[in-house]
Amino acid sequence: MGKSKEISQDLRNKIVDLHKSGSSLGAISKHLKVPRSSVQTIVYKYKHHGTTQPSYRSGRRHILSPRDQRTLVRKVQINPRTTAKDLVKMLEETGTKVSISTVKRVLYRHNLKCHSARKKPLLQNRHKKARLQFATAHGDKDLTF
């Protein structure tokens, strides 16, 4: 369930003006095509706080903007071996100072666990020859071998 649309400041002022002129909440709701509960909330807030400005959200703001977060995710998807320290250095170059745990938290939130791929040595020619020799020698054996 997403966040509902924010009511503009102009519309909030119209609601308060209509309420001051004596209109009922239901009439204001029908006239301006705004839900009655929203009208009631705006009028209640005006009576108790004297303003119709939306209040600040609770909690601390995010250090990284959504754009920074997308950049981090893109860097890791392009190169999965990128470490959190490398990402912190990259952000410091752009002027954002964050900790390693913040970077890890952002990546975890985007389903990127903080494990890099294990380094696996490539097969050499002698390995390929040994595998082929084994397969030809044991190709006629039973599957239980």
N, C-alpha and C. Protein backbone atom coordinates (compact mmCIF):
# COMPACT_ATOMS: atom_id res chain seq x y z
N MET A 1 0.84 -1.18 0.00
CA MET A 1 0.00 0.00 0.00
C MET A 1 0.88 1.23 0.00
N GLY A 2 0.76 2.07 -1.01
CA GLY A 2 1.64 3.23 -1.16
C GLY A 2 1.15 4.43 -0.39
N LYS A 3 2.00 5.44 -0.38
CA LYS A 3 1.66 6.68 0.30
C LYS A 3 0.64 7.44 -0.54
N SER A 4 -0.35 8.04 0.12
CA SER A 4 -1.38 8.78 -0.61
C SER A 4 -0.82 10.11 -1.10
N LYS A 5 -1.54 10.75 -2.01
CA LYS A 5 -1.08 12.02 -2.55
C LYS A 5 -1.14 13.09 -1.47
N GLU A 6 -0.16 13.96 -1.48
CA GLU A 6 -0.09 15.08 -0.53
C GLU A 6 -1.04 16.17 -1.01
N ILE A 7 -1.79 16.76 -0.10
CA ILE A 7 -2.72 17.83 -0.45
C ILE A 7 -1.95 19.14 -0.48
N SER A 8 -2.15 19.93 -1.54
CA SER A 8 -1.40 21.17 -1.72
C SER A 8 -1.76 22.20 -0.64
N GLN A 9 -0.85 23.14 -0.43
CA GLN A 9 -1.05 24.18 0.58
C GLN A 9 -2.24 25.07 0.21
N ASP A 10 -2.42 25.33 -1.08
CA ASP A 10 -3.54 26.15 -1.54
C ASP A 10 -4.88 25.49 -1.20
N LEU A 11 -4.96 24.17 -1.43
CA LEU A 11 -6.18 23.44 -1.14
C LEU A 11 -6.45 23.39 0.37
N ARG A 12 -5.38 23.26 1.15
CA ARG A 12 -5.53 23.27 2.62
C ARG A 12 -6.13 24.60 3.09
N ASN A 13 -5.63 25.70 2.51
CA ASN A 13 -6.15 27.03 2.90
C ASN A 13 -7.61 27.20 2.51
N LYS A 14 -8.00 26.63 1.34
CA LYS A 14 -9.41 26.70 0.92
C LYS A 14 -10.29 25.94 1.91
N ILE A 15 -9.81 24.77 2.36
CA ILE A 15 -10.57 23.96 3.31
C ILE A 15 -10.80 24.74 4.60
N VAL A 16 -9.75 25.39 5.10
CA VAL A 16 -9.85 26.15 6.35
C VAL A 16 -10.79 27.35 6.16
N ASP A 17 -10.69 28.03 5.02
CA ASP A 17 -11.57 29.19 4.76
C ASP A 17 -13.03 28.76 4.71
N LEU A 18 -13.32 27.64 4.04
CA LEU A 18 -14.69 27.16 3.98
C LEU A 18 -15.20 26.76 5.37
N HIS A 19 -14.31 26.18 6.18
CA HIS A 19 -14.71 25.79 7.54
C HIS A 19 -15.02 27.04 8.39
N LYS A 20 -14.20 28.08 8.23
CA LYS A 20 -14.43 29.32 8.97
C LYS A 20 -15.75 29.98 8.57
N SER A 21 -16.12 29.82 7.29
CA SER A 21 -17.37 30.43 6.83
C SER A 21 -18.59 29.64 7.28
N GLY A 22 -18.39 28.47 7.92
CA GLY A 22 -19.50 27.75 8.51
C GLY A 22 -19.94 26.51 7.75
N SER A 23 -19.22 26.14 6.72
CA SER A 23 -19.58 24.94 5.97
C SER A 23 -19.26 23.69 6.78
N SER A 24 -20.04 22.65 6.56
CA SER A 24 -19.79 21.39 7.28
C SER A 24 -18.65 20.63 6.59
N LEU A 25 -18.10 19.67 7.32
CA LEU A 25 -17.00 18.89 6.77
C LEU A 25 -17.43 18.11 5.53
N GLY A 26 -18.63 17.55 5.56
CA GLY A 26 -19.13 16.80 4.41
C GLY A 26 -19.33 17.68 3.19
N ALA A 27 -19.83 18.90 3.41
CA ALA A 27 -20.05 19.83 2.30
C ALA A 27 -18.72 20.26 1.68
N ILE A 28 -17.74 20.51 2.53
CA ILE A 28 -16.41 20.89 2.04
C ILE A 28 -15.82 19.74 1.22
N SER A 29 -16.00 18.54 1.73
CA SER A 29 -15.48 17.35 1.07
C SER A 29 -16.08 17.19 -0.33
N LYS A 30 -17.39 17.35 -0.44
CA LYS A 30 -18.06 17.21 -1.74
C LYS A 30 -17.69 18.33 -2.70
N HIS A 31 -17.61 19.55 -2.15
CA HIS A 31 -17.32 20.72 -2.98
C HIS A 31 -15.91 20.66 -3.59
N LEU A 32 -14.92 20.27 -2.78
CA LEU A 32 -13.53 20.26 -3.24
C LEU A 32 -13.06 18.88 -3.72
N LYS A 33 -13.95 17.88 -3.61
CA LYS A 33 -13.63 16.50 -4.03
C LYS A 33 -12.38 15.97 -3.32
N VAL A 34 -12.40 16.12 -2.00
CA VAL A 34 -11.33 15.63 -1.12
C VAL A 34 -11.98 14.70 -0.11
N PRO A 35 -11.34 13.60 0.27
CA PRO A 35 -11.96 12.71 1.26
C PRO A 35 -12.31 13.44 2.56
N ARG A 36 -13.44 13.06 3.15
CA ARG A 36 -13.91 13.71 4.37
C ARG A 36 -12.90 13.58 5.50
N SER A 37 -12.24 12.43 5.57
CA SER A 37 -11.26 12.22 6.64
C SER A 37 -10.09 13.20 6.50
N SER A 38 -9.71 13.51 5.25
CA SER A 38 -8.63 14.47 5.03
C SER A 38 -9.06 15.87 5.46
N VAL A 39 -10.28 16.23 5.11
CA VAL A 39 -10.81 17.54 5.51
C VAL A 39 -10.84 17.63 7.03
N GLN A 40 -11.30 16.57 7.68
CA GLN A 40 -11.39 16.56 9.14
C GLN A 40 -10.00 16.70 9.77
N THR A 41 -9.02 16.00 9.21
CA THR A 41 -7.65 16.07 9.74
C THR A 41 -7.08 17.48 9.59
N ILE A 42 -7.31 18.11 8.44
CA ILE A 42 -6.77 19.46 8.20
C ILE A 42 -7.43 20.47 9.14
N VAL A 43 -8.73 20.38 9.32
CA VAL A 43 -9.44 21.30 10.23
C VAL A 43 -8.97 21.09 11.66
N TYR A 44 -8.84 19.83 12.08
CA TYR A 44 -8.36 19.53 13.44
C TYR A 44 -6.97 20.11 13.66
N LYS A 45 -6.10 19.94 12.68
CA LYS A 45 -4.73 20.44 12.80
C LYS A 45 -4.73 21.97 12.88
N TYR A 46 -5.60 22.62 12.10
CA TYR A 46 -5.67 24.07 12.13
C TYR A 46 -6.14 24.57 13.49
N LYS A 47 -7.15 23.88 14.06
CA LYS A 47 -7.68 24.30 15.36
C LYS A 47 -6.64 24.16 16.47
N HIS A 48 -5.86 23.09 16.43
CA HIS A 48 -4.93 22.82 17.52
C HIS A 48 -3.57 23.48 17.34
N HIS A 49 -3.11 23.64 16.11
CA HIS A 49 -1.76 24.16 15.89
C HIS A 49 -1.75 25.54 15.23
N GLY A 50 -2.89 25.96 14.71
CA GLY A 50 -2.97 27.28 14.11
C GLY A 50 -2.35 27.36 12.72
N THR A 51 -1.98 26.25 12.15
CA THR A 51 -1.37 26.25 10.82
C THR A 51 -1.83 25.02 10.06
N THR A 52 -1.72 25.11 8.73
CA THR A 52 -2.08 23.95 7.92
C THR A 52 -0.84 23.35 7.26
N GLN A 53 0.34 23.84 7.61
CA GLN A 53 1.58 23.31 7.06
C GLN A 53 1.74 21.85 7.47
N PRO A 54 2.19 20.98 6.56
CA PRO A 54 2.44 19.60 6.95
C PRO A 54 3.65 19.54 7.89
N SER A 55 3.56 18.74 8.93
CA SER A 55 4.65 18.67 9.89
C SER A 55 5.78 17.81 9.33
N TYR A 56 6.94 17.96 9.95
CA TYR A 56 8.09 17.18 9.52
C TYR A 56 7.89 15.72 9.85
N ARG A 57 8.50 14.87 9.09
CA ARG A 57 8.43 13.44 9.34
C ARG A 57 9.31 13.11 10.53
N SER A 58 8.93 12.08 11.26
CA SER A 58 9.75 11.67 12.40
C SER A 58 10.92 10.83 11.90
N GLY A 59 11.95 10.77 12.70
CA GLY A 59 13.10 9.94 12.37
C GLY A 59 14.19 10.72 11.65
N ARG A 60 15.33 10.09 11.62
CA ARG A 60 16.49 10.72 11.01
C ARG A 60 16.45 10.55 9.50
N ARG A 61 16.93 11.55 8.78
CA ARG A 61 16.96 11.48 7.33
C ARG A 61 18.08 10.54 6.88
N HIS A 62 17.93 10.00 5.69
CA HIS A 62 18.95 9.12 5.13
C HIS A 62 20.17 9.95 4.73
N ILE A 63 21.36 9.41 4.98
CA ILE A 63 22.58 10.09 4.58
C ILE A 63 22.73 10.02 3.07
N LEU A 64 22.47 8.84 2.52
CA LEU A 64 22.61 8.65 1.08
C LEU A 64 21.29 8.94 0.37
N SER A 65 21.37 9.70 -0.68
CA SER A 65 20.18 9.97 -1.48
C SER A 65 19.84 8.72 -2.29
N PRO A 66 18.62 8.63 -2.79
CA PRO A 66 18.27 7.49 -3.64
C PRO A 66 19.20 7.36 -4.85
N ARG A 67 19.69 8.47 -5.35
CA ARG A 67 20.61 8.43 -6.48
C ARG A 67 21.93 7.78 -6.08
N ASP A 68 22.46 8.15 -4.88
CA ASP A 68 23.69 7.54 -4.38
C ASP A 68 23.50 6.03 -4.17
N GLN A 69 22.34 5.66 -3.67
CA GLN A 69 22.07 4.24 -3.44
C GLN A 69 22.05 3.48 -4.75
N ARG A 70 21.42 4.05 -5.78
CA ARG A 70 21.40 3.38 -7.09
C ARG A 70 22.80 3.25 -7.66
N THR A 71 23.64 4.28 -7.43
CA THR A 71 25.01 4.24 -7.91
C THR A 71 25.77 3.09 -7.25
N LEU A 72 25.61 2.95 -5.93
CA LEU A 72 26.27 1.85 -5.22
C LEU A 72 25.83 0.50 -5.76
N VAL A 73 24.53 0.33 -5.92
CA VAL A 73 24.00 -0.95 -6.40
C VAL A 73 24.53 -1.25 -7.80
N ARG A 74 24.57 -0.23 -8.66
CA ARG A 74 25.05 -0.42 -10.02
C ARG A 74 26.52 -0.82 -10.03
N LYS A 75 27.34 -0.17 -9.19
CA LYS A 75 28.77 -0.50 -9.13
C LYS A 75 28.98 -1.96 -8.72
N VAL A 76 28.19 -2.42 -7.75
CA VAL A 76 28.34 -3.80 -7.27
C VAL A 76 27.84 -4.79 -8.31
N GLN A 77 26.77 -4.44 -9.01
CA GLN A 77 26.25 -5.35 -10.03
C GLN A 77 27.22 -5.47 -11.21
N ILE A 78 27.90 -4.38 -11.55
CA ILE A 78 28.87 -4.44 -12.64
C ILE A 78 30.09 -5.25 -12.22
N ASN A 79 30.58 -5.00 -11.00
CA ASN A 79 31.75 -5.72 -10.51
C ASN A 79 31.46 -6.27 -9.11
N PRO A 80 31.06 -7.55 -9.00
CA PRO A 80 30.70 -8.09 -7.69
C PRO A 80 31.86 -8.16 -6.70
N ARG A 81 33.07 -8.04 -7.16
CA ARG A 81 34.23 -8.08 -6.25
C ARG A 81 34.51 -6.75 -5.57
N THR A 82 33.74 -5.74 -5.86
CA THR A 82 33.93 -4.43 -5.25
C THR A 82 33.70 -4.53 -3.74
N THR A 83 34.64 -4.01 -2.96
CA THR A 83 34.50 -4.07 -1.50
C THR A 83 33.78 -2.82 -0.99
N ALA A 84 33.32 -2.91 0.23
CA ALA A 84 32.62 -1.77 0.84
C ALA A 84 33.57 -0.60 1.02
N LYS A 85 34.85 -0.89 1.31
CA LYS A 85 35.83 0.19 1.45
C LYS A 85 36.00 0.95 0.15
N ASP A 86 36.02 0.21 -0.97
CA ASP A 86 36.14 0.87 -2.28
C ASP A 86 34.95 1.78 -2.53
N LEU A 87 33.76 1.31 -2.15
CA LEU A 87 32.56 2.11 -2.36
C LEU A 87 32.56 3.36 -1.48
N VAL A 88 33.08 3.23 -0.24
CA VAL A 88 33.17 4.39 0.65
C VAL A 88 34.12 5.43 0.05
N LYS A 89 35.26 4.96 -0.49
CA LYS A 89 36.22 5.88 -1.12
C LYS A 89 35.59 6.57 -2.32
N MET A 90 34.82 5.82 -3.10
CA MET A 90 34.17 6.39 -4.27
C MET A 90 33.19 7.49 -3.85
N LEU A 91 32.43 7.25 -2.76
CA LEU A 91 31.49 8.25 -2.28
C LEU A 91 32.21 9.47 -1.71
N GLU A 92 33.36 9.26 -1.07
CA GLU A 92 34.11 10.39 -0.52
C GLU A 92 34.63 11.30 -1.64
N GLU A 93 34.95 10.70 -2.79
CA GLU A 93 35.39 11.50 -3.93
C GLU A 93 34.28 12.43 -4.42
N THR A 94 33.04 11.98 -4.28
CA THR A 94 31.91 12.82 -4.70
C THR A 94 31.48 13.79 -3.61
N GLY A 95 32.06 13.65 -2.41
CA GLY A 95 31.76 14.61 -1.34
C GLY A 95 30.82 14.08 -0.27
N THR A 96 30.49 12.79 -0.28
CA THR A 96 29.60 12.21 0.72
C THR A 96 30.42 11.34 1.65
N LYS A 97 30.38 11.65 2.95
CA LYS A 97 31.15 10.89 3.92
C LYS A 97 30.21 9.92 4.63
N VAL A 98 30.45 8.61 4.43
CA VAL A 98 29.63 7.58 5.05
C VAL A 98 30.53 6.51 5.62
N SER A 99 29.96 5.69 6.50
CA SER A 99 30.73 4.59 7.08
C SER A 99 30.54 3.34 6.24
N ILE A 100 31.38 2.36 6.51
CA ILE A 100 31.30 1.09 5.79
C ILE A 100 29.99 0.39 6.11
N SER A 101 29.55 0.47 7.37
CA SER A 101 28.31 -0.21 7.74
C SER A 101 27.10 0.39 7.03
N THR A 102 27.14 1.69 6.74
CA THR A 102 26.05 2.32 5.99
C THR A 102 25.98 1.76 4.58
N VAL A 103 27.14 1.62 3.95
CA VAL A 103 27.19 1.06 2.59
C VAL A 103 26.67 -0.37 2.60
N LYS A 104 27.10 -1.17 3.58
CA LYS A 104 26.65 -2.56 3.66
C LYS A 104 25.15 -2.63 3.87
N ARG A 105 24.61 -1.72 4.69
CA ARG A 105 23.17 -1.71 4.97
C ARG A 105 22.37 -1.40 3.70
N VAL A 106 22.87 -0.44 2.91
CA VAL A 106 22.19 -0.08 1.67
C VAL A 106 22.19 -1.27 0.70
N LEU A 107 23.34 -1.92 0.57
CA LEU A 107 23.44 -3.06 -0.35
C LEU A 107 22.55 -4.21 0.12
N TYR A 108 22.50 -4.43 1.42
CA TYR A 108 21.67 -5.51 1.96
C TYR A 108 20.19 -5.22 1.71
N ARG A 109 19.82 -3.94 1.80
CA ARG A 109 18.44 -3.55 1.55
C ARG A 109 18.03 -3.82 0.10
N HIS A 110 19.02 -3.84 -0.80
CA HIS A 110 18.77 -4.12 -2.21
C HIS A 110 19.09 -5.57 -2.57
N ASN A 111 19.07 -6.45 -1.57
CA ASN A 111 19.30 -7.89 -1.73
C ASN A 111 20.67 -8.21 -2.31
N LEU A 112 21.66 -7.42 -1.97
CA LEU A 112 23.04 -7.72 -2.35
C LEU A 112 23.80 -8.03 -1.07
N LYS A 113 24.00 -9.31 -0.81
CA LYS A 113 24.68 -9.71 0.41
C LYS A 113 26.16 -9.37 0.30
N CYS A 114 26.80 -9.18 1.43
CA CYS A 114 28.18 -8.71 1.42
C CYS A 114 29.17 -9.87 1.35
N HIS A 115 29.02 -10.71 0.36
CA HIS A 115 29.97 -11.78 0.10
C HIS A 115 30.45 -11.62 -1.33
N SER A 116 31.75 -11.60 -1.51
CA SER A 116 32.26 -11.52 -2.88
C SER A 116 32.44 -12.93 -3.42
N ALA A 117 32.46 -13.03 -4.72
CA ALA A 117 32.60 -14.33 -5.36
C ALA A 117 33.98 -14.91 -5.06
N ARG A 118 34.04 -16.20 -4.84
CA ARG A 118 35.31 -16.84 -4.54
C ARG A 118 36.18 -16.87 -5.79
N LYS A 119 37.46 -16.62 -5.62
CA LYS A 119 38.37 -16.69 -6.74
C LYS A 119 38.57 -18.15 -7.10
N LYS A 120 38.37 -18.46 -8.35
CA LYS A 120 38.47 -19.85 -8.78
C LYS A 120 39.47 -19.90 -9.92
N PRO A 121 40.52 -20.68 -9.78
CA PRO A 121 41.53 -20.71 -10.85
C PRO A 121 40.95 -21.28 -12.14
N LEU A 122 41.40 -20.75 -13.24
CA LEU A 122 40.95 -21.23 -14.53
C LEU A 122 41.60 -22.57 -14.83
N LEU A 123 40.93 -23.35 -15.67
CA LEU A 123 41.49 -24.64 -16.08
C LEU A 123 42.66 -24.41 -17.02
N GLN A 124 43.74 -25.12 -16.74
CA GLN A 124 44.90 -25.06 -17.64
C GLN A 124 44.79 -26.21 -18.64
N ASN A 125 45.64 -26.17 -19.66
CA ASN A 125 45.60 -27.21 -20.69
C ASN A 125 45.87 -28.60 -20.11
N ARG A 126 46.78 -28.69 -19.15
CA ARG A 126 47.08 -30.01 -18.56
C ARG A 126 45.88 -30.56 -17.79
N HIS A 127 45.08 -29.65 -17.18
CA HIS A 127 43.87 -30.09 -16.49
C HIS A 127 42.86 -30.65 -17.49
N LYS A 128 42.71 -29.96 -18.61
CA LYS A 128 41.76 -30.40 -19.63
C LYS A 128 42.17 -31.77 -20.20
N LYS A 129 43.45 -31.93 -20.44
CA LYS A 129 43.94 -33.22 -20.97
C LYS A 129 43.72 -34.34 -19.97
N ALA A 130 43.97 -34.06 -18.68
CA ALA A 130 43.79 -35.09 -17.65
C ALA A 130 42.32 -35.47 -17.53
N ARG A 131 41.41 -34.52 -17.64
CA ARG A 131 39.98 -34.82 -17.58
C ARG A 131 39.53 -35.65 -18.77
N LEU A 132 40.03 -35.28 -19.95
CA LEU A 132 39.68 -36.04 -21.16
C LEU A 132 40.22 -37.46 -21.08
N GLN A 133 41.43 -37.60 -20.57
CA GLN A 133 42.03 -38.93 -20.44
C GLN A 133 41.22 -39.77 -19.44
N PHE A 134 40.81 -39.19 -18.34
CA PHE A 134 40.00 -39.91 -17.34
C PHE A 134 38.67 -40.33 -17.95
N ALA A 135 38.02 -39.40 -18.69
CA ALA A 135 36.70 -39.69 -19.26
C ALA A 135 36.77 -40.80 -20.30
N THR A 136 37.81 -40.80 -21.12
CA THR A 136 37.93 -41.86 -22.12
C THR A 136 38.28 -43.19 -21.46
N ALA A 137 39.05 -43.16 -20.41
CA ALA A 137 39.45 -44.41 -19.74
C ALA A 137 38.27 -45.03 -18.98
N HIS A 138 37.41 -44.19 -18.40
CA HIS A 138 36.33 -44.70 -17.56
C HIS A 138 34.94 -44.50 -18.17
N GLY A 139 34.88 -44.19 -19.46
CA GLY A 139 33.60 -43.92 -20.11
C GLY A 139 32.71 -45.14 -20.22
N ASP A 140 33.30 -46.34 -20.31
CA ASP A 140 32.50 -47.55 -20.49
C ASP A 140 32.08 -48.18 -19.17
N LYS A 141 32.45 -47.58 -18.05
CA LYS A 141 32.12 -48.16 -16.73
C LYS A 141 30.66 -47.92 -16.40
N ASP A 142 30.18 -48.64 -15.37
CA ASP A 142 28.79 -48.52 -14.91
C ASP A 142 28.59 -47.16 -14.21
N LEU A 143 27.36 -46.67 -14.16
CA LEU A 143 27.09 -45.39 -13.52
C LEU A 143 27.37 -45.40 -12.03
N THR A 144 27.34 -46.57 -11.40
CA THR A 144 27.60 -46.64 -9.96
C THR A 144 29.08 -46.48 -9.64
N PHE A 145 29.95 -46.53 -10.67
CA PHE A 145 31.39 -46.34 -10.47
C PHE A 145 31.61 -44.91 -10.02
